[in-house]
Amino acid sequence: MNCVFCKIVSREIPADIVVEDEEFLVFKDINPKAPIHLIIIPKTHLGPVSALSGENENLLGRLILKAKEAAATIGVSENGYRLVFNVGRDAGMEIDHLHLHLLGGKPMKFEF
């Protein structure tokens, strides 16, 4: 498989890991869009949100809870953070492995 995130999971590609357990990996984005920009992924390859089904609903809940844990670990829980799924190329999705962005570290506006 030629998935960048799978290669990070297998340690073929280095990453600045913030939180890890048997199911998820959280690491710093290499092209951050905010002072704090983390990527939360399941270690098992899953396609993007558009490819998911009802079978994945429990995993999605755990993914969001892992993001909450990462926010506490890096110290943005109190001031707030943004969670984002990019779905499709027009939304900026570049890697076809389910992932959630956590952005924080500054006040954010809602703009496009």
N, C-alpha and C. Protein backbone atom coordinates (compact mmCIF):
# COMPACT_ATOMS: atom_id res chain seq x y z
N MET A 1 0.85 -1.18 0.00
CA MET A 1 0.00 0.00 0.00
C MET A 1 0.89 1.24 0.00
N ASN A 2 0.47 2.24 -0.72
CA ASN A 2 1.26 3.45 -0.87
C ASN A 2 0.65 4.61 -0.08
N CYS A 3 0.05 4.33 1.06
CA CYS A 3 -0.61 5.34 1.88
C CYS A 3 0.41 5.98 2.83
N VAL A 4 0.53 7.29 2.76
CA VAL A 4 1.47 8.01 3.61
C VAL A 4 1.17 7.77 5.09
N PHE A 5 -0.10 7.80 5.47
CA PHE A 5 -0.44 7.61 6.88
C PHE A 5 -0.15 6.19 7.34
N CYS A 6 -0.37 5.21 6.48
CA CYS A 6 -0.02 3.82 6.84
C CYS A 6 1.49 3.70 7.03
N LYS A 7 2.26 4.43 6.23
CA LYS A 7 3.72 4.41 6.38
C LYS A 7 4.16 5.09 7.67
N ILE A 8 3.41 6.09 8.12
CA ILE A 8 3.71 6.70 9.42
C ILE A 8 3.41 5.71 10.53
N VAL A 9 2.28 5.01 10.43
CA VAL A 9 1.92 4.00 11.43
C VAL A 9 3.01 2.93 11.53
N SER A 10 3.53 2.48 10.38
CA SER A 10 4.55 1.42 10.38
C SER A 10 5.96 1.96 10.60
N ARG A 11 6.07 3.27 10.80
CA ARG A 11 7.34 3.94 11.07
C ARG A 11 8.29 3.96 9.86
N GLU A 12 7.74 3.77 8.67
CA GLU A 12 8.54 3.92 7.45
C GLU A 12 8.81 5.40 7.18
N ILE A 13 7.90 6.26 7.64
CA ILE A 13 8.04 7.71 7.52
C ILE A 13 7.98 8.27 8.94
N PRO A 14 8.91 9.17 9.30
CA PRO A 14 8.89 9.71 10.66
C PRO A 14 7.75 10.71 10.85
N ALA A 15 7.32 10.86 12.09
CA ALA A 15 6.30 11.84 12.46
C ALA A 15 6.54 12.26 13.90
N ASP A 16 6.09 13.46 14.22
CA ASP A 16 6.17 13.97 15.58
C ASP A 16 4.90 13.53 16.31
N ILE A 17 4.98 12.40 16.98
CA ILE A 17 3.81 11.76 17.58
C ILE A 17 3.49 12.40 18.93
N VAL A 18 2.20 12.71 19.12
CA VAL A 18 1.72 13.35 20.34
C VAL A 18 1.03 12.34 21.26
N VAL A 19 0.20 11.48 20.69
CA VAL A 19 -0.54 10.46 21.44
C VAL A 19 -0.60 9.21 20.58
N GLU A 20 -0.47 8.05 21.23
CA GLU A 20 -0.59 6.79 20.50
C GLU A 20 -1.17 5.74 21.43
N ASP A 21 -2.03 4.91 20.88
CA ASP A 21 -2.50 3.72 21.58
C ASP A 21 -2.61 2.61 20.55
N GLU A 22 -3.23 1.50 20.91
CA GLU A 22 -3.29 0.36 19.99
C GLU A 22 -4.18 0.62 18.78
N GLU A 23 -5.07 1.62 18.87
CA GLU A 23 -6.02 1.86 17.78
C GLU A 23 -5.77 3.13 16.98
N PHE A 24 -5.21 4.16 17.63
CA PHE A 24 -5.07 5.47 16.99
C PHE A 24 -3.66 6.03 17.13
N LEU A 25 -3.35 6.95 16.21
CA LEU A 25 -2.09 7.68 16.23
C LEU A 25 -2.42 9.15 16.03
N VAL A 26 -1.82 10.01 16.84
CA VAL A 26 -2.00 11.45 16.73
C VAL A 26 -0.61 12.06 16.54
N PHE A 27 -0.46 12.85 15.49
CA PHE A 27 0.84 13.45 15.21
C PHE A 27 0.67 14.86 14.67
N LYS A 28 1.76 15.64 14.70
CA LYS A 28 1.73 17.02 14.22
C LYS A 28 1.73 17.04 12.70
N ASP A 29 0.89 17.92 12.15
CA ASP A 29 0.83 18.11 10.70
C ASP A 29 2.13 18.75 10.22
N ILE A 30 2.67 18.28 9.10
CA ILE A 30 3.94 18.84 8.61
C ILE A 30 3.75 20.18 7.90
N ASN A 31 2.50 20.52 7.55
CA ASN A 31 2.18 21.82 6.95
C ASN A 31 1.06 22.47 7.76
N PRO A 32 1.37 22.91 8.98
CA PRO A 32 0.31 23.38 9.87
C PRO A 32 -0.43 24.61 9.36
N LYS A 33 -1.74 24.62 9.61
CA LYS A 33 -2.60 25.74 9.25
C LYS A 33 -2.96 26.57 10.48
N ALA A 34 -2.42 26.21 11.62
CA ALA A 34 -2.63 26.92 12.89
C ALA A 34 -1.40 26.64 13.77
N PRO A 35 -1.21 27.41 14.84
CA PRO A 35 -0.07 27.15 15.72
C PRO A 35 -0.03 25.71 16.22
N ILE A 36 -1.19 25.13 16.47
CA ILE A 36 -1.29 23.71 16.81
C ILE A 36 -2.15 23.06 15.75
N HIS A 37 -1.60 22.08 15.05
CA HIS A 37 -2.33 21.37 14.00
C HIS A 37 -1.93 19.90 14.08
N LEU A 38 -2.86 19.11 14.58
CA LEU A 38 -2.62 17.68 14.73
C LEU A 38 -3.48 16.89 13.76
N ILE A 39 -3.02 15.70 13.43
CA ILE A 39 -3.76 14.75 12.61
C ILE A 39 -4.05 13.54 13.48
N ILE A 40 -5.31 13.12 13.51
CA ILE A 40 -5.72 11.95 14.28
C ILE A 40 -6.16 10.89 13.29
N ILE A 41 -5.54 9.70 13.35
CA ILE A 41 -5.87 8.64 12.40
C ILE A 41 -6.08 7.31 13.12
N PRO A 42 -6.93 6.46 12.53
CA PRO A 42 -6.94 5.07 12.99
C PRO A 42 -5.71 4.39 12.41
N LYS A 43 -5.12 3.47 13.15
CA LYS A 43 -3.95 2.76 12.64
C LYS A 43 -4.31 1.81 11.49
N THR A 44 -5.52 1.31 11.50
CA THR A 44 -5.99 0.47 10.41
C THR A 44 -6.44 1.37 9.27
N HIS A 45 -6.03 1.05 8.06
CA HIS A 45 -6.41 1.88 6.92
C HIS A 45 -7.91 1.81 6.67
N LEU A 46 -8.53 2.97 6.68
CA LEU A 46 -9.92 3.13 6.27
C LEU A 46 -9.94 4.25 5.25
N GLY A 47 -10.86 4.17 4.31
CA GLY A 47 -10.99 5.24 3.34
C GLY A 47 -11.51 6.51 4.00
N PRO A 48 -11.72 7.56 3.21
CA PRO A 48 -12.21 8.82 3.75
C PRO A 48 -13.65 8.72 4.24
N VAL A 49 -14.14 9.78 4.85
CA VAL A 49 -15.50 9.81 5.40
C VAL A 49 -16.52 9.37 4.36
N SER A 50 -16.35 9.77 3.12
CA SER A 50 -17.31 9.43 2.07
C SER A 50 -17.39 7.93 1.80
N ALA A 51 -16.41 7.16 2.25
CA ALA A 51 -16.40 5.71 2.03
C ALA A 51 -16.89 4.92 3.25
N LEU A 52 -17.24 5.62 4.33
CA LEU A 52 -17.62 4.94 5.56
C LEU A 52 -19.09 4.51 5.54
N SER A 53 -19.42 3.60 6.45
CA SER A 53 -20.79 3.12 6.59
C SER A 53 -21.16 3.08 8.07
N GLY A 54 -22.35 2.60 8.36
CA GLY A 54 -22.80 2.47 9.73
C GLY A 54 -21.90 1.59 10.57
N GLU A 55 -21.19 0.67 9.92
CA GLU A 55 -20.25 -0.20 10.64
C GLU A 55 -19.15 0.60 11.34
N ASN A 56 -18.90 1.80 10.87
CA ASN A 56 -17.79 2.60 11.38
C ASN A 56 -18.19 3.61 12.46
N GLU A 57 -19.47 3.62 12.85
CA GLU A 57 -19.92 4.68 13.76
C GLU A 57 -19.22 4.63 15.12
N ASN A 58 -18.97 3.47 15.66
CA ASN A 58 -18.28 3.39 16.95
C ASN A 58 -16.84 3.87 16.83
N LEU A 59 -16.17 3.51 15.75
CA LEU A 59 -14.80 3.96 15.53
C LEU A 59 -14.76 5.48 15.43
N LEU A 60 -15.72 6.08 14.73
CA LEU A 60 -15.74 7.54 14.60
C LEU A 60 -15.89 8.21 15.97
N GLY A 61 -16.72 7.64 16.82
CA GLY A 61 -16.86 8.18 18.17
C GLY A 61 -15.55 8.11 18.94
N ARG A 62 -14.87 6.99 18.83
CA ARG A 62 -13.58 6.83 19.51
C ARG A 62 -12.52 7.76 18.93
N LEU A 63 -12.59 8.01 17.62
CA LEU A 63 -11.66 8.93 16.97
C LEU A 63 -11.83 10.34 17.55
N ILE A 64 -13.06 10.77 17.72
CA ILE A 64 -13.32 12.10 18.28
C ILE A 64 -12.86 12.16 19.74
N LEU A 65 -13.09 11.11 20.49
CA LEU A 65 -12.61 11.08 21.88
C LEU A 65 -11.08 11.09 21.95
N LYS A 66 -10.43 10.47 20.97
CA LYS A 66 -8.96 10.51 20.93
C LYS A 66 -8.50 11.94 20.63
N ALA A 67 -9.24 12.67 19.79
CA ALA A 67 -8.92 14.07 19.53
C ALA A 67 -9.06 14.89 20.81
N LYS A 68 -10.09 14.62 21.57
CA LYS A 68 -10.29 15.31 22.86
C LYS A 68 -9.11 15.04 23.80
N GLU A 69 -8.66 13.80 23.85
CA GLU A 69 -7.49 13.44 24.67
C GLU A 69 -6.25 14.19 24.20
N ALA A 70 -6.05 14.25 22.88
CA ALA A 70 -4.88 14.95 22.33
C ALA A 70 -4.94 16.44 22.67
N ALA A 71 -6.14 17.03 22.60
CA ALA A 71 -6.29 18.45 22.94
C ALA A 71 -5.88 18.71 24.39
N ALA A 72 -6.25 17.80 25.28
CA ALA A 72 -5.85 17.93 26.68
C ALA A 72 -4.35 17.76 26.84
N THR A 73 -3.79 16.81 26.11
CA THR A 73 -2.35 16.53 26.19
C THR A 73 -1.52 17.74 25.77
N ILE A 74 -1.95 18.44 24.72
CA ILE A 74 -1.16 19.58 24.23
C ILE A 74 -1.60 20.91 24.84
N GLY A 75 -2.64 20.89 25.67
CA GLY A 75 -3.02 22.08 26.43
C GLY A 75 -3.93 23.07 25.74
N VAL A 76 -4.76 22.63 24.80
CA VAL A 76 -5.69 23.56 24.15
C VAL A 76 -7.14 23.36 24.58
N SER A 77 -7.39 22.43 25.47
CA SER A 77 -8.77 22.15 25.87
C SER A 77 -9.48 23.37 26.46
N GLU A 78 -8.79 24.11 27.30
CA GLU A 78 -9.42 25.23 27.99
C GLU A 78 -9.81 26.36 27.04
N ASN A 79 -8.91 26.74 26.13
CA ASN A 79 -9.19 27.86 25.22
C ASN A 79 -9.95 27.45 23.98
N GLY A 80 -9.97 26.17 23.66
CA GLY A 80 -10.75 25.70 22.52
C GLY A 80 -9.90 25.29 21.34
N TYR A 81 -10.54 24.52 20.48
CA TYR A 81 -9.88 24.00 19.28
C TYR A 81 -10.95 23.65 18.26
N ARG A 82 -10.52 23.42 17.05
CA ARG A 82 -11.42 23.08 15.95
C ARG A 82 -11.10 21.67 15.48
N LEU A 83 -12.14 20.87 15.22
CA LEU A 83 -11.99 19.55 14.62
C LEU A 83 -12.57 19.61 13.21
N VAL A 84 -11.82 19.08 12.24
CA VAL A 84 -12.23 19.18 10.83
C VAL A 84 -11.98 17.87 10.11
N PHE A 85 -13.01 17.41 9.39
CA PHE A 85 -12.85 16.35 8.40
C PHE A 85 -12.92 17.02 7.03
N ASN A 86 -11.91 16.86 6.20
CA ASN A 86 -11.98 17.30 4.81
C ASN A 86 -12.44 16.10 3.99
N VAL A 87 -13.49 16.28 3.21
CA VAL A 87 -14.07 15.18 2.44
C VAL A 87 -14.03 15.54 0.96
N GLY A 88 -13.17 14.90 0.21
CA GLY A 88 -13.06 15.16 -1.22
C GLY A 88 -12.00 16.19 -1.55
N ARG A 89 -11.58 16.18 -2.79
CA ARG A 89 -10.50 17.06 -3.24
C ARG A 89 -10.85 18.54 -3.11
N ASP A 90 -12.11 18.91 -3.41
CA ASP A 90 -12.49 20.32 -3.31
C ASP A 90 -12.41 20.83 -1.88
N ALA A 91 -12.48 19.95 -0.91
CA ALA A 91 -12.39 20.34 0.50
C ALA A 91 -10.93 20.36 0.98
N GLY A 92 -10.02 19.94 0.14
CA GLY A 92 -8.61 19.95 0.50
C GLY A 92 -8.07 18.60 0.94
N MET A 93 -8.87 17.54 0.83
CA MET A 93 -8.40 16.22 1.22
C MET A 93 -7.32 15.75 0.25
N GLU A 94 -6.19 15.33 0.78
CA GLU A 94 -5.08 14.89 -0.06
C GLU A 94 -4.74 13.42 0.14
N ILE A 95 -5.11 12.85 1.28
CA ILE A 95 -4.74 11.46 1.59
C ILE A 95 -6.01 10.66 1.86
N ASP A 96 -6.16 9.54 1.15
CA ASP A 96 -7.36 8.70 1.25
C ASP A 96 -7.27 7.71 2.40
N HIS A 97 -6.98 8.22 3.58
CA HIS A 97 -6.96 7.44 4.82
C HIS A 97 -7.74 8.30 5.81
N LEU A 98 -8.75 7.74 6.43
CA LEU A 98 -9.57 8.51 7.36
C LEU A 98 -8.68 9.29 8.32
N HIS A 99 -8.92 10.59 8.41
CA HIS A 99 -8.17 11.42 9.35
C HIS A 99 -8.97 12.64 9.76
N LEU A 100 -8.68 13.09 10.96
CA LEU A 100 -9.34 14.23 11.56
C LEU A 100 -8.27 15.25 11.92
N HIS A 101 -8.53 16.51 11.57
CA HIS A 101 -7.61 17.59 11.91
C HIS A 101 -8.04 18.24 13.21
N LEU A 102 -7.08 18.53 14.07
CA LEU A 102 -7.31 19.32 15.28
C LEU A 102 -6.47 20.58 15.13
N LEU A 103 -7.13 21.74 15.16
CA LEU A 103 -6.45 23.02 15.01
C LEU A 103 -6.71 23.88 16.24
N GLY A 104 -5.69 24.54 16.73
CA GLY A 104 -5.85 25.39 17.90
C GLY A 104 -4.63 26.25 18.12
N GLY A 105 -4.60 26.87 19.29
CA GLY A 105 -3.46 27.71 19.64
C GLY A 105 -3.64 29.18 19.32
N LYS A 106 -4.80 29.55 18.77
CA LYS A 106 -5.11 30.95 18.49
C LYS A 106 -6.62 31.07 18.29
N PRO A 107 -7.17 32.28 18.47
CA PRO A 107 -8.59 32.46 18.14
C PRO A 107 -8.79 32.26 16.64
N MET A 108 -9.85 31.58 16.28
CA MET A 108 -10.10 31.29 14.87
C MET A 108 -11.41 31.90 14.42
N LYS A 109 -11.40 32.38 13.19
CA LYS A 109 -12.62 32.91 12.57
C LYS A 109 -13.18 31.82 11.67
N PHE A 110 -14.46 31.93 11.39
CA PHE A 110 -15.07 31.01 10.44
C PHE A 110 -15.10 31.72 9.10
N GLU A 111 -14.16 31.39 8.25
CA GLU A 111 -14.07 32.03 6.94
C GLU A 111 -13.56 31.04 5.92
N PHE A 112 -13.85 31.33 4.67
CA PHE A 112 -13.42 30.47 3.57
C PHE A 112 -12.56 31.25 2.62
